């Protein structure tokens, strides 16, 4: 029943998008989530000391939320010890924590997180002036026009770029939106005979400024935690601070007027189309 399938998918999508106000506008709404999570923890963990260790001291949603019914029961198992003391050093056959306790180990699994705000690929992408993307972002952190193109890097299109990840829904919707934007860019370049396109500095600056302004009241900024969403400057250059359908709206077409373009004929100088500031800024 395709109609029913689409209705169920639409209901799931709407439910996820309904979370955005709590994440991005009024983090105090997360109190309801916190109460539910604490009840879940108390049901799974009876040891008061362990319960205290696993209870967050920051607003729900500030860090990535783990949706699982098995995590806390696993921590409460008799053959599991949760150690939260910092690691002082690792010896040939043990881990020594800051309190001096030495714990013999056979295997150490190091889970250091994601390279999100300093993506390794950035060191391998070179721009118009010979600088790498990593060099370009070194002084101010990641930034890209609509999370997809970067000033100074002609014909560079990035999927899952700065401020395109999500804290509330599926990344596939965002990726599909970016792919459509890139396809339309290629189509536009072919139709207009363009050799290169590059977002203007003003377009990128306006877009990035508006995104960071929207980020200020979010739970990721105000929730009281340090997460991998934040870069070394304290800015959230990872997540999109709004509904996914607004992101898709902004990338519905390739807006060539926000780009410096170079025609295929090398004898013709590159032209910069006029900027429309309103189109640069996320709603």
Protein backbone atom coordinates (compact mmCIF):
# COMPACT_ATOMS: atom_id res chain seq x y z
CA UNK A 1 0.00 0.00 0.00
CA UNK A 2 2.27 2.83 -1.26
CA UNK A 3 -0.06 5.54 0.03
CA UNK A 4 0.04 4.14 3.56
CA UNK A 5 3.81 3.75 3.34
CA UNK A 6 4.20 7.41 2.38
CA UNK A 7 1.87 8.45 5.18
CA UNK A 8 3.89 6.52 7.77
CA UNK A 9 7.15 7.98 6.48
CA UNK A 10 5.63 11.47 6.57
CA UNK A 11 4.52 10.91 10.17
CA UNK A 12 8.02 9.79 11.21
CA UNK A 13 9.54 12.80 9.45
CA UNK A 14 7.09 15.20 11.08
CA UNK A 15 7.78 13.72 14.52
CA UNK A 16 11.52 14.24 14.08
CA UNK A 17 11.12 17.78 12.78
CA UNK A 18 8.91 18.59 15.78
CA UNK A 19 12.01 18.24 17.96
CA UNK A 20 13.70 21.27 16.42
CA UNK A 21 12.20 23.91 18.76
CA UNK A 22 13.67 22.10 21.80
CA UNK A 23 17.08 21.68 20.19
CA UNK A 24 17.40 25.00 18.43
CA UNK A 25 15.10 27.59 19.99
CA UNK A 26 13.93 26.83 23.54
CA UNK A 27 16.32 24.30 25.15
CA UNK A 28 14.29 24.42 28.38
CA UNK A 29 11.80 22.17 26.57
CA UNK A 30 14.39 19.42 26.96
CA UNK A 31 13.40 19.07 30.62
CA UNK A 32 10.69 16.61 29.58
CA UNK A 33 13.31 14.51 27.78
CA UNK A 34 15.58 14.64 30.83
CA UNK A 35 12.83 13.36 33.13
CA UNK A 36 12.13 10.47 30.77
CA UNK A 37 15.83 9.65 30.49
CA UNK A 38 16.35 9.68 34.26
CA UNK A 39 13.42 7.30 34.77
CA UNK A 40 14.98 5.03 32.19
CA UNK A 41 18.32 5.13 34.03
CA UNK A 42 16.76 4.41 37.41
CA UNK A 43 14.97 1.36 36.02
CA UNK A 44 18.21 -0.04 34.59
CA UNK A 45 20.71 0.93 37.32
CA UNK A 46 20.09 0.22 41.01
CA UNK A 47 23.56 1.11 42.31
CA UNK A 48 23.41 4.77 43.51
CA UNK A 49 27.13 5.31 42.89
CA UNK A 50 26.95 4.04 39.33
CA UNK A 51 23.75 6.01 38.72
CA UNK A 52 25.51 9.20 39.83
CA UNK A 53 28.38 8.51 37.43
CA UNK A 54 26.14 8.09 34.39
CA UNK A 55 23.77 10.98 35.11
CA UNK A 56 24.69 13.94 32.86
CA UNK A 57 25.21 17.37 34.40
CA UNK A 58 24.23 19.21 31.25
CA UNK A 59 21.06 19.79 29.28
CA UNK A 60 19.75 16.85 27.24
CA UNK A 61 20.69 17.24 23.60
CA UNK A 62 23.85 19.24 24.32
CA UNK A 63 25.76 16.11 23.33
CA UNK A 64 24.58 13.54 20.83
CA UNK A 65 21.71 11.51 22.28
CA UNK A 66 22.14 7.74 22.39
CA UNK A 67 18.86 5.99 21.64
CA UNK A 68 19.24 2.54 23.19
CA UNK A 69 17.56 0.27 25.71
CA UNK A 70 20.69 -1.85 26.17
CA UNK A 71 23.36 0.72 27.15
CA UNK A 72 22.55 1.19 30.85
CA UNK A 73 21.82 -2.49 31.55
CA UNK A 74 25.23 -3.28 30.02
CA UNK A 75 26.94 -0.82 32.37
CA UNK A 76 25.10 -2.35 35.33
CA UNK A 77 26.20 -5.90 34.50
CA UNK A 78 28.24 -7.75 37.17
CA UNK A 79 31.23 -8.19 34.85
CA UNK A 80 31.46 -4.49 33.91
CA UNK A 81 33.19 -1.67 35.81
CA UNK A 82 32.59 1.93 34.77
CA UNK A 83 35.69 4.00 35.52
CA UNK A 84 35.40 7.75 35.07
CA UNK A 85 38.76 8.77 36.54
CA UNK A 86 41.19 10.26 33.99
CA UNK A 87 43.85 7.96 32.56
CA UNK A 88 47.33 8.93 33.77
CA UNK A 89 49.33 6.49 31.64
CA UNK A 90 49.26 3.17 29.82
CA UNK A 91 51.86 0.51 30.63
CA UNK A 92 52.76 -2.64 28.74
CA UNK A 93 49.84 -4.55 30.24
CA UNK A 94 47.70 -2.12 32.22
CA UNK A 95 45.87 1.19 32.35
CA UNK A 96 46.75 3.45 35.27
CA UNK A 97 44.23 6.10 36.28
CA UNK A 98 44.95 9.42 37.98
CA UNK A 99 44.14 7.99 41.44
CA UNK A 100 47.03 5.51 41.02
CA UNK A 101 44.89 2.42 40.43
CA UNK A 102 46.45 -0.01 37.95
CA UNK A 103 44.02 -2.14 35.95
CA UNK A 104 45.51 -5.05 33.93
CA UNK A 105 44.13 -5.26 30.39
CA UNK A 106 44.39 -7.55 27.39
CA UNK A 107 42.95 -5.15 24.82
CA UNK A 108 42.49 -1.38 24.71
CA UNK A 109 39.89 0.02 22.30
CA UNK A 110 40.54 3.71 21.71
CA UNK A 111 37.40 5.60 20.70
CA UNK A 112 38.53 9.19 20.25
CA UNK A 113 35.54 10.45 18.30
CA UNK A 114 35.14 12.03 14.88
CA UNK A 115 37.35 14.48 12.98
CA UNK A 116 34.41 16.75 12.26
CA UNK A 117 35.65 20.29 12.75
CA UNK A 118 39.09 19.45 11.29
CA UNK A 119 38.29 16.97 8.49
CA UNK A 120 41.43 15.23 7.14
CA UNK A 121 40.29 15.73 3.53
CA UNK A 122 40.79 19.49 3.97
CA UNK A 123 44.56 19.02 3.87
CA UNK A 124 44.29 17.49 0.39
CA UNK A 125 42.13 20.14 -1.31
CA UNK A 126 44.00 23.10 -2.81
CA UNK A 127 42.34 26.37 -3.72
CA UNK A 128 42.85 29.12 -6.26
CA UNK A 129 45.71 30.77 -4.32
CA UNK A 130 47.58 27.52 -3.65
CA UNK A 131 46.46 27.21 -0.03
CA UNK A 132 44.79 24.06 1.19
CA UNK A 133 41.31 24.04 2.64
CA UNK A 134 42.86 23.22 6.02
CA UNK A 135 45.00 26.37 5.79
CA UNK A 136 41.99 28.39 4.70
CA UNK A 137 40.01 27.30 7.75
CA UNK A 138 42.90 27.42 10.23
CA UNK A 139 42.27 30.96 11.50
CA UNK A 140 38.48 31.00 11.80
CA UNK A 141 37.18 27.45 11.58
CA UNK A 142 35.09 25.72 8.93
CA UNK A 143 32.80 27.81 6.76
CA UNK A 144 31.07 27.17 3.45
CA UNK A 145 28.28 28.81 1.49
CA UNK A 146 25.18 26.70 2.12
CA UNK A 147 27.53 24.07 3.54
CA UNK A 148 28.50 23.14 -0.01
CA UNK A 149 30.86 25.61 -1.72
CA UNK A 150 33.83 27.66 -0.47
CA UNK A 151 35.13 31.07 -1.53
CA UNK A 152 38.59 30.69 -3.05
CA UNK A 153 37.94 27.12 -4.21
CA UNK A 154 36.41 27.22 -7.70
CA UNK A 155 34.29 24.23 -8.72
CA UNK A 156 34.67 22.65 -5.28
CA UNK A 157 31.44 21.10 -4.04
CA UNK A 158 31.29 19.37 -0.66
CA UNK A 159 28.56 17.09 0.61
CA UNK A 160 28.08 17.05 4.40
CA UNK A 161 30.12 20.24 4.72
CA UNK A 162 30.14 22.83 7.51
CA UNK A 163 26.85 23.21 9.42
CA UNK A 164 25.00 20.50 7.51
CA UNK A 165 25.02 17.67 10.08
CA UNK A 166 21.94 17.09 12.23
CA UNK A 167 21.16 16.55 15.87
CA UNK A 168 17.54 15.56 15.39
CA UNK A 169 16.90 13.75 12.11
CA UNK A 170 18.36 11.75 9.20
CA UNK A 171 21.37 13.07 7.27
CA UNK A 172 20.08 11.44 4.09
CA UNK A 173 17.58 14.26 3.56
CA UNK A 174 20.38 16.84 3.87
CA UNK A 175 22.66 14.87 1.54
CA UNK A 176 19.94 14.56 -1.08
CA UNK A 177 19.34 18.32 -0.87
CA UNK A 178 23.03 19.04 -1.44
CA UNK A 179 23.29 16.58 -4.31
CA UNK A 180 20.34 18.26 -6.03
CA UNK A 181 22.05 21.63 -5.58
CA UNK A 182 25.31 20.34 -7.08
CA UNK A 183 23.51 18.71 -10.01
CA UNK A 184 21.70 21.98 -10.70
CA UNK A 185 25.04 23.81 -10.52
CA UNK A 186 26.52 21.53 -13.19
CA UNK A 187 23.39 21.89 -15.28
CA UNK A 188 23.59 25.68 -15.00
CA UNK A 189 27.28 25.71 -15.92
CA UNK A 190 26.61 23.67 -19.03
CA UNK A 191 23.65 25.80 -20.06
CA UNK A 192 25.56 29.10 -19.61
CA UNK A 193 28.92 27.90 -20.86
CA UNK A 194 30.73 28.43 -17.56
CA UNK A 195 34.17 26.99 -16.82
CA UNK A 196 34.18 27.78 -13.09
CA UNK A 197 31.92 28.96 -10.30
CA UNK A 198 32.97 30.20 -6.88
CA UNK A 199 30.80 31.74 -4.14
CA UNK A 200 31.57 35.38 -3.47
CA UNK A 201 33.19 36.29 -0.17
CA UNK A 202 30.12 38.31 0.78
CA UNK A 203 27.74 35.42 0.03
CA UNK A 204 29.73 33.04 2.20
CA UNK A 205 30.21 35.60 4.98
CA UNK A 206 26.52 36.48 5.08
CA UNK A 207 25.40 32.85 5.11
CA UNK A 208 27.89 31.82 7.79
CA UNK A 209 27.08 34.83 9.98
CA UNK A 210 23.37 34.09 9.83
CA UNK A 211 23.90 30.41 10.69
CA UNK A 212 26.07 31.26 13.69
CA UNK A 213 23.52 33.84 14.87
CA UNK A 214 20.85 31.13 14.73
CA UNK A 215 23.19 28.87 16.68
CA UNK A 216 23.40 31.15 19.73
CA UNK A 217 20.22 30.02 21.58
CA UNK A 218 20.55 26.32 20.70
CA UNK A 219 21.07 23.58 23.27
CA UNK A 220 24.43 22.80 21.66
CA UNK A 221 25.65 26.28 22.62
CA UNK A 222 23.82 26.88 25.91
CA UNK A 223 23.50 23.33 27.27
CA UNK A 224 26.62 23.40 29.45
CA UNK A 225 28.73 20.72 27.80
CA UNK A 226 31.82 20.41 25.64
CA UNK A 227 31.09 18.27 22.59
CA UNK A 228 32.64 17.31 19.28
CA UNK A 229 30.09 19.61 17.64
CA UNK A 230 32.24 22.58 18.70
CA UNK A 231 35.52 23.62 17.12
CA UNK A 232 38.59 24.95 18.93
CA UNK A 233 37.15 28.46 18.74
CA UNK A 234 34.02 27.36 20.57
CA UNK A 235 31.81 27.67 17.49
CA UNK A 236 29.38 25.01 16.35
CA UNK A 237 30.44 24.52 12.74
CA UNK A 238 28.95 21.02 12.61
CA UNK A 239 25.16 21.16 12.89
CA UNK A 240 22.33 22.79 11.00
CA UNK A 241 20.30 24.89 13.49
CA UNK A 242 16.86 24.44 11.99
CA UNK A 243 14.39 22.22 10.18
CA UNK A 244 15.64 20.11 7.31
CA UNK A 245 12.93 21.40 4.99
CA UNK A 246 14.24 24.96 5.35
CA UNK A 247 17.68 23.71 4.35
CA UNK A 248 16.20 22.01 1.30
CA UNK A 249 14.37 25.24 0.44
CA UNK A 250 17.65 27.19 0.49
CA UNK A 251 19.28 24.65 -1.82
CA UNK A 252 16.28 24.21 -4.11
CA UNK A 253 18.15 25.83 -7.02
CA UNK A 254 21.71 26.81 -7.84
CA UNK A 255 21.78 30.57 -7.21
CA UNK A 256 24.44 31.63 -9.71
CA UNK A 257 23.90 35.28 -8.77
CA UNK A 258 25.78 34.59 -5.52
CA UNK A 259 28.82 33.30 -7.40
CA UNK A 260 31.80 34.68 -9.29
CA UNK A 261 31.70 32.88 -12.61
CA UNK A 262 34.30 32.31 -15.32
CA UNK A 263 33.11 31.59 -18.87
CA UNK A 264 34.58 28.85 -21.00
CA UNK A 265 36.17 31.46 -23.28
CA UNK A 266 39.46 32.37 -21.48
CA UNK A 267 39.58 35.74 -23.25
CA UNK A 268 36.52 36.90 -21.34
CA UNK A 269 37.12 38.18 -17.80
CA UNK A 270 35.28 36.50 -14.90
CA UNK A 271 32.05 38.21 -13.96
CA UNK A 272 30.60 38.58 -10.49
CA UNK A 273 26.83 38.70 -10.35
CA UNK A 274 25.14 41.12 -7.91
CA UNK A 275 24.60 39.83 -4.39
CA UNK A 276 21.15 39.47 -2.86
CA UNK A 277 21.72 39.44 0.89
CA UNK A 278 18.26 38.15 1.69
CA UNK A 279 18.90 34.96 -0.29
CA UNK A 280 22.19 34.41 1.52
CA UNK A 281 20.63 34.06 4.93
CA UNK A 282 18.82 31.02 6.29
CA UNK A 283 15.21 31.59 7.28
